[in-house]
Amino acid sequence: QVQLVESGGGLVQAGGSLRLSCVASGRIFSGLIMGWYRQASEKQRELVATITSGGSTGYADSVKGRFTISRDNAKNTVYLQMNSLKPEDTAVYYCAARAMLRLTYDYWGQGTPVTVSS
């Protein structure tokens, strides 16, 4: 079992920045693939960014060049640095984790809301 706790969401003006954090516990963090998802009101949840145990990253086209995912295995923490925020980035952001051999994310945090005002 893995427990995930996100923090760092809030209200920010368009063009501003936020950094989300997700602390994991319960399993060896360094072996997990981590992801950030988001779900806007009345929309499907979408994958925003991923990072492997080796540090390889991937991003949705909508956030490339603006968001950066990183991890600190010593702190069991994954981060999402969000710059140049836009109103369309408004959503609840979720941290997720999966083992390397799993195709789906099995563990989810409770979500942290991000609101970007225009």
N, C-alpha and C. Protein backbone atom coordinates (compact mmCIF):
# COMPACT_ATOMS: atom_id res chain seq x y z
N GLN A 1 0.82 -1.20 0.00
CA GLN A 1 0.00 0.00 0.00
C GLN A 1 0.86 1.25 0.00
N VAL A 2 0.37 2.27 -0.68
CA VAL A 2 1.05 3.55 -0.73
C VAL A 2 0.05 4.63 -0.35
N GLN A 3 0.45 5.50 0.53
CA GLN A 3 -0.37 6.65 0.89
C GLN A 3 0.26 7.90 0.28
N LEU A 4 -0.57 8.73 -0.33
CA LEU A 4 -0.10 9.93 -1.01
C LEU A 4 -0.83 11.15 -0.45
N VAL A 5 -0.08 12.17 -0.12
CA VAL A 5 -0.69 13.39 0.42
C VAL A 5 -0.15 14.58 -0.37
N GLU A 6 -1.07 15.27 -1.05
CA GLU A 6 -0.67 16.44 -1.84
C GLU A 6 -0.82 17.71 -1.02
N SER A 7 -0.08 18.73 -1.44
CA SER A 7 -0.21 20.06 -0.86
C SER A 7 0.28 21.07 -1.87
N GLY A 8 -0.01 22.34 -1.61
CA GLY A 8 0.52 23.40 -2.44
C GLY A 8 -0.47 24.07 -3.37
N GLY A 9 -1.69 23.55 -3.43
CA GLY A 9 -2.67 24.19 -4.29
C GLY A 9 -3.14 25.50 -3.71
N GLY A 10 -3.90 26.25 -4.52
CA GLY A 10 -4.41 27.52 -4.05
C GLY A 10 -4.90 28.37 -5.18
N LEU A 11 -5.07 29.66 -4.88
CA LEU A 11 -5.56 30.63 -5.85
C LEU A 11 -4.38 31.48 -6.33
N VAL A 12 -4.27 31.64 -7.63
CA VAL A 12 -3.18 32.42 -8.20
C VAL A 12 -3.70 33.14 -9.43
N GLN A 13 -3.11 34.27 -9.72
CA GLN A 13 -3.49 35.01 -10.92
C GLN A 13 -2.84 34.40 -12.15
N ALA A 14 -3.47 34.61 -13.28
CA ALA A 14 -2.90 34.15 -14.54
C ALA A 14 -1.48 34.70 -14.71
N GLY A 15 -0.59 33.84 -15.16
CA GLY A 15 0.81 34.20 -15.30
C GLY A 15 1.65 33.87 -14.08
N GLY A 16 1.00 33.52 -13.00
CA GLY A 16 1.70 33.21 -11.77
C GLY A 16 2.19 31.77 -11.71
N SER A 17 2.74 31.41 -10.56
CA SER A 17 3.33 30.08 -10.37
C SER A 17 2.84 29.45 -9.08
N LEU A 18 2.85 28.15 -9.07
CA LEU A 18 2.59 27.36 -7.88
C LEU A 18 3.46 26.12 -7.94
N ARG A 19 3.81 25.59 -6.78
CA ARG A 19 4.49 24.31 -6.72
C ARG A 19 3.70 23.35 -5.87
N LEU A 20 3.30 22.26 -6.47
CA LEU A 20 2.59 21.21 -5.76
C LEU A 20 3.59 20.18 -5.25
N SER A 21 3.28 19.63 -4.09
CA SER A 21 4.11 18.57 -3.51
C SER A 21 3.23 17.36 -3.20
N CYS A 22 3.83 16.21 -3.26
CA CYS A 22 3.13 14.97 -2.92
C CYS A 22 4.11 14.09 -2.16
N VAL A 23 3.77 13.81 -0.92
CA VAL A 23 4.60 12.96 -0.07
C VAL A 23 4.01 11.56 -0.06
N ALA A 24 4.87 10.58 -0.30
CA ALA A 24 4.43 9.18 -0.34
C ALA A 24 4.95 8.43 0.88
N SER A 25 4.17 7.46 1.32
CA SER A 25 4.60 6.60 2.42
C SER A 25 4.04 5.21 2.20
N GLY A 26 4.67 4.24 2.83
CA GLY A 26 4.13 2.89 2.81
C GLY A 26 4.83 1.93 1.88
N ARG A 27 5.66 2.40 0.99
CA ARG A 27 6.34 1.53 0.04
C ARG A 27 7.60 2.24 -0.42
N ILE A 28 8.54 1.48 -0.95
CA ILE A 28 9.79 2.09 -1.40
C ILE A 28 9.49 3.07 -2.52
N PHE A 29 9.65 4.35 -2.23
CA PHE A 29 9.26 5.41 -3.16
C PHE A 29 10.10 5.39 -4.42
N SER A 30 11.37 5.10 -4.29
CA SER A 30 12.27 5.23 -5.43
C SER A 30 11.91 4.29 -6.57
N GLY A 31 11.19 3.21 -6.27
CA GLY A 31 10.81 2.26 -7.31
C GLY A 31 9.50 2.56 -7.99
N LEU A 32 8.82 3.59 -7.56
CA LEU A 32 7.51 3.91 -8.09
C LEU A 32 7.58 4.88 -9.27
N ILE A 33 6.68 4.71 -10.20
CA ILE A 33 6.45 5.70 -11.24
C ILE A 33 5.38 6.65 -10.70
N MET A 34 5.65 7.92 -10.77
CA MET A 34 4.74 8.92 -10.20
C MET A 34 4.12 9.77 -11.30
N GLY A 35 2.90 10.19 -11.06
CA GLY A 35 2.23 11.03 -12.03
C GLY A 35 1.39 12.09 -11.36
N TRP A 36 1.18 13.16 -12.08
CA TRP A 36 0.22 14.19 -11.67
C TRP A 36 -0.92 14.21 -12.70
N TYR A 37 -2.12 14.13 -12.19
CA TYR A 37 -3.33 14.23 -13.00
C TYR A 37 -4.08 15.49 -12.56
N ARG A 38 -5.01 15.90 -13.39
CA ARG A 38 -5.90 16.97 -12.99
C ARG A 38 -7.30 16.72 -13.54
N GLN A 39 -8.27 17.26 -12.83
CA GLN A 39 -9.65 17.14 -13.27
C GLN A 39 -10.35 18.47 -13.07
N ALA A 40 -10.73 19.07 -14.18
CA ALA A 40 -11.49 20.31 -14.12
C ALA A 40 -12.98 19.98 -13.99
N SER A 41 -13.73 20.98 -13.58
CA SER A 41 -15.16 20.78 -13.37
C SER A 41 -15.83 20.28 -14.65
N GLU A 42 -16.58 19.19 -14.53
CA GLU A 42 -17.34 18.60 -15.63
C GLU A 42 -16.46 18.11 -16.77
N LYS A 43 -15.22 17.82 -16.48
CA LYS A 43 -14.31 17.25 -17.48
C LYS A 43 -13.69 15.98 -16.95
N GLN A 44 -13.16 15.19 -17.87
CA GLN A 44 -12.51 13.95 -17.47
C GLN A 44 -11.13 14.24 -16.87
N ARG A 45 -10.71 13.32 -16.01
CA ARG A 45 -9.38 13.44 -15.45
C ARG A 45 -8.35 13.25 -16.56
N GLU A 46 -7.31 14.08 -16.55
CA GLU A 46 -6.28 13.97 -17.58
C GLU A 46 -4.90 13.90 -16.95
N LEU A 47 -4.02 13.17 -17.61
CA LEU A 47 -2.65 13.04 -17.16
C LEU A 47 -1.88 14.30 -17.53
N VAL A 48 -1.21 14.87 -16.56
CA VAL A 48 -0.46 16.11 -16.78
C VAL A 48 1.02 15.84 -16.97
N ALA A 49 1.59 15.03 -16.08
CA ALA A 49 3.03 14.78 -16.13
C ALA A 49 3.34 13.48 -15.42
N THR A 50 4.43 12.84 -15.87
CA THR A 50 4.88 11.61 -15.24
C THR A 50 6.39 11.66 -15.04
N ILE A 51 6.86 10.86 -14.07
CA ILE A 51 8.29 10.74 -13.86
C ILE A 51 8.57 9.31 -13.41
N THR A 52 9.56 8.69 -14.06
CA THR A 52 9.91 7.32 -13.72
C THR A 52 10.86 7.28 -12.54
N SER A 53 11.16 6.08 -12.09
CA SER A 53 12.11 5.94 -11.00
C SER A 53 13.49 6.44 -11.40
N GLY A 54 13.79 6.40 -12.68
CA GLY A 54 15.08 6.88 -13.16
C GLY A 54 15.10 8.36 -13.50
N GLY A 55 13.96 9.01 -13.39
CA GLY A 55 13.91 10.45 -13.61
C GLY A 55 13.46 10.88 -14.99
N SER A 56 13.08 9.93 -15.84
CA SER A 56 12.55 10.30 -17.15
C SER A 56 11.17 10.91 -16.99
N THR A 57 10.92 11.97 -17.75
CA THR A 57 9.68 12.70 -17.58
C THR A 57 8.86 12.74 -18.87
N GLY A 58 7.57 12.95 -18.70
CA GLY A 58 6.68 13.13 -19.82
C GLY A 58 5.60 14.14 -19.46
N TYR A 59 5.10 14.87 -20.46
CA TYR A 59 4.14 15.93 -20.21
C TYR A 59 3.01 15.93 -21.22
N ALA A 60 1.86 16.38 -20.78
CA ALA A 60 0.78 16.65 -21.71
C ALA A 60 1.17 17.85 -22.56
N ASP A 61 0.72 17.87 -23.80
CA ASP A 61 1.06 18.98 -24.69
C ASP A 61 0.63 20.33 -24.12
N SER A 62 -0.46 20.33 -23.40
CA SER A 62 -1.01 21.58 -22.88
C SER A 62 -0.14 22.23 -21.81
N VAL A 63 0.78 21.47 -21.23
CA VAL A 63 1.61 22.04 -20.15
C VAL A 63 3.10 22.03 -20.48
N LYS A 64 3.48 21.48 -21.61
CA LYS A 64 4.90 21.45 -21.98
C LYS A 64 5.49 22.85 -22.01
N GLY A 65 6.66 22.97 -21.41
CA GLY A 65 7.33 24.26 -21.37
C GLY A 65 6.89 25.15 -20.22
N ARG A 66 5.82 24.76 -19.53
CA ARG A 66 5.32 25.55 -18.40
C ARG A 66 5.40 24.79 -17.07
N PHE A 67 5.19 23.49 -17.13
CA PHE A 67 5.19 22.67 -15.92
C PHE A 67 6.44 21.79 -15.90
N THR A 68 6.93 21.54 -14.70
CA THR A 68 8.08 20.65 -14.52
C THR A 68 7.81 19.69 -13.37
N ILE A 69 7.92 18.41 -13.66
CA ILE A 69 7.78 17.40 -12.62
C ILE A 69 9.17 16.97 -12.17
N SER A 70 9.32 16.76 -10.88
CA SER A 70 10.60 16.31 -10.34
C SER A 70 10.33 15.45 -9.11
N ARG A 71 11.37 14.77 -8.65
CA ARG A 71 11.21 13.93 -7.46
C ARG A 71 12.46 13.99 -6.61
N ASP A 72 12.25 13.82 -5.32
CA ASP A 72 13.33 13.75 -4.36
C ASP A 72 13.14 12.44 -3.60
N ASN A 73 13.88 11.42 -4.00
CA ASN A 73 13.69 10.10 -3.40
C ASN A 73 14.06 10.09 -1.92
N ALA A 74 14.97 10.94 -1.52
CA ALA A 74 15.36 10.99 -0.12
C ALA A 74 14.22 11.51 0.76
N LYS A 75 13.35 12.30 0.16
CA LYS A 75 12.21 12.87 0.89
C LYS A 75 10.89 12.19 0.54
N ASN A 76 10.94 11.17 -0.30
CA ASN A 76 9.73 10.49 -0.73
C ASN A 76 8.69 11.46 -1.29
N THR A 77 9.17 12.39 -2.07
CA THR A 77 8.32 13.47 -2.53
C THR A 77 8.45 13.69 -4.03
N VAL A 78 7.32 13.96 -4.66
CA VAL A 78 7.30 14.37 -6.05
C VAL A 78 6.70 15.76 -6.12
N TYR A 79 7.22 16.56 -7.03
CA TYR A 79 6.80 17.95 -7.15
C TYR A 79 6.24 18.23 -8.54
N LEU A 80 5.41 19.24 -8.61
CA LEU A 80 4.97 19.76 -9.90
C LEU A 80 5.10 21.28 -9.83
N GLN A 81 6.12 21.78 -10.50
CA GLN A 81 6.30 23.23 -10.59
C GLN A 81 5.48 23.73 -11.76
N MET A 82 4.59 24.65 -11.49
CA MET A 82 3.68 25.16 -12.52
C MET A 82 3.94 26.65 -12.70
N ASN A 83 4.40 27.01 -13.88
CA ASN A 83 4.68 28.40 -14.21
C ASN A 83 3.75 28.87 -15.32
N SER A 84 3.68 30.18 -15.48
CA SER A 84 2.86 30.78 -16.54
C SER A 84 1.45 30.19 -16.53
N LEU A 85 0.87 30.15 -15.38
CA LEU A 85 -0.43 29.50 -15.23
C LEU A 85 -1.52 30.26 -15.99
N LYS A 86 -2.46 29.48 -16.52
CA LYS A 86 -3.57 30.01 -17.30
C LYS A 86 -4.88 29.63 -16.62
N PRO A 87 -5.94 30.37 -16.88
CA PRO A 87 -7.25 30.01 -16.28
C PRO A 87 -7.65 28.57 -16.61
N GLU A 88 -7.26 28.09 -17.78
CA GLU A 88 -7.63 26.72 -18.15
C GLU A 88 -6.85 25.66 -17.38
N ASP A 89 -5.89 26.06 -16.58
CA ASP A 89 -5.19 25.12 -15.69
C ASP A 89 -5.97 24.90 -14.40
N THR A 90 -7.04 25.63 -14.22
CA THR A 90 -7.87 25.47 -13.02
C THR A 90 -8.43 24.06 -12.95
N ALA A 91 -8.18 23.37 -11.84
CA ALA A 91 -8.60 21.98 -11.69
C ALA A 91 -8.21 21.50 -10.30
N VAL A 92 -8.67 20.32 -9.96
CA VAL A 92 -8.14 19.61 -8.80
C VAL A 92 -6.99 18.74 -9.32
N TYR A 93 -5.86 18.87 -8.68
CA TYR A 93 -4.66 18.13 -9.10
C TYR A 93 -4.44 16.95 -8.16
N TYR A 94 -4.21 15.80 -8.77
CA TYR A 94 -4.04 14.57 -8.02
C TYR A 94 -2.66 13.97 -8.28
N CYS A 95 -2.06 13.49 -7.24
CA CYS A 95 -0.83 12.73 -7.32
C CYS A 95 -1.20 11.25 -7.42
N ALA A 96 -0.45 10.51 -8.23
CA ALA A 96 -0.74 9.09 -8.40
C ALA A 96 0.58 8.32 -8.47
N ALA A 97 0.49 7.04 -8.12
CA ALA A 97 1.69 6.20 -8.12
C ALA A 97 1.37 4.81 -8.64
N ARG A 98 2.35 4.22 -9.30
CA ARG A 98 2.20 2.83 -9.72
C ARG A 98 3.56 2.14 -9.71
N ALA A 99 3.52 0.85 -9.57
CA ALA A 99 4.75 0.06 -9.67
C ALA A 99 5.16 -0.03 -11.13
N MET A 100 6.42 -0.31 -11.37
CA MET A 100 6.96 -0.29 -12.72
C MET A 100 6.24 -1.25 -13.67
N LEU A 101 5.81 -2.39 -13.18
CA LEU A 101 5.20 -3.39 -14.05
C LEU A 101 3.69 -3.21 -14.20
N ARG A 102 3.15 -2.25 -13.51
CA ARG A 102 1.72 -1.99 -13.60
C ARG A 102 1.43 -1.00 -14.73
N LEU A 103 0.30 -1.19 -15.40
CA LEU A 103 -0.06 -0.31 -16.50
C LEU A 103 -0.96 0.82 -16.04
N THR A 104 -1.58 0.65 -14.89
CA THR A 104 -2.48 1.69 -14.38
C THR A 104 -1.99 2.17 -13.02
N TYR A 105 -2.38 3.37 -12.70
CA TYR A 105 -2.02 3.93 -11.41
C TYR A 105 -2.95 3.35 -10.34
N ASP A 106 -2.34 2.77 -9.34
CA ASP A 106 -3.11 2.08 -8.31
C ASP A 106 -3.35 2.93 -7.07
N TYR A 107 -2.54 3.95 -6.88
CA TYR A 107 -2.60 4.73 -5.65
C TYR A 107 -2.81 6.20 -5.99
N TRP A 108 -3.70 6.82 -5.22
CA TRP A 108 -4.07 8.20 -5.50
C TRP A 108 -4.11 9.02 -4.22
N GLY A 109 -3.75 10.28 -4.36
CA GLY A 109 -3.93 11.20 -3.26
C GLY A 109 -5.34 11.75 -3.25
N GLN A 110 -5.59 12.63 -2.30
CA GLN A 110 -6.94 13.18 -2.13
C GLN A 110 -7.20 14.36 -3.05
N GLY A 111 -6.15 14.90 -3.64
CA GLY A 111 -6.29 16.03 -4.55
C GLY A 111 -6.08 17.36 -3.86
N THR A 112 -5.55 18.30 -4.62
CA THR A 112 -5.38 19.66 -4.12
C THR A 112 -5.88 20.62 -5.20
N PRO A 113 -6.75 21.55 -4.84
CA PRO A 113 -7.35 22.41 -5.85
C PRO A 113 -6.45 23.57 -6.26
N VAL A 114 -6.45 23.85 -7.54
CA VAL A 114 -5.72 24.99 -8.10
C VAL A 114 -6.72 25.84 -8.87
N THR A 115 -6.76 27.11 -8.53
CA THR A 115 -7.64 28.05 -9.23
C THR A 115 -6.80 29.19 -9.79
N VAL A 116 -6.90 29.40 -11.09
CA VAL A 116 -6.15 30.46 -11.75
C VAL A 116 -7.15 31.51 -12.23
N SER A 117 -7.03 32.69 -11.69
CA SER A 117 -7.95 33.77 -12.05
C SER A 117 -7.39 34.58 -13.21
N SER A 118 -8.29 35.09 -14.03
CA SER A 118 -7.86 35.86 -15.21
C SER A 118 -7.74 37.34 -14.88
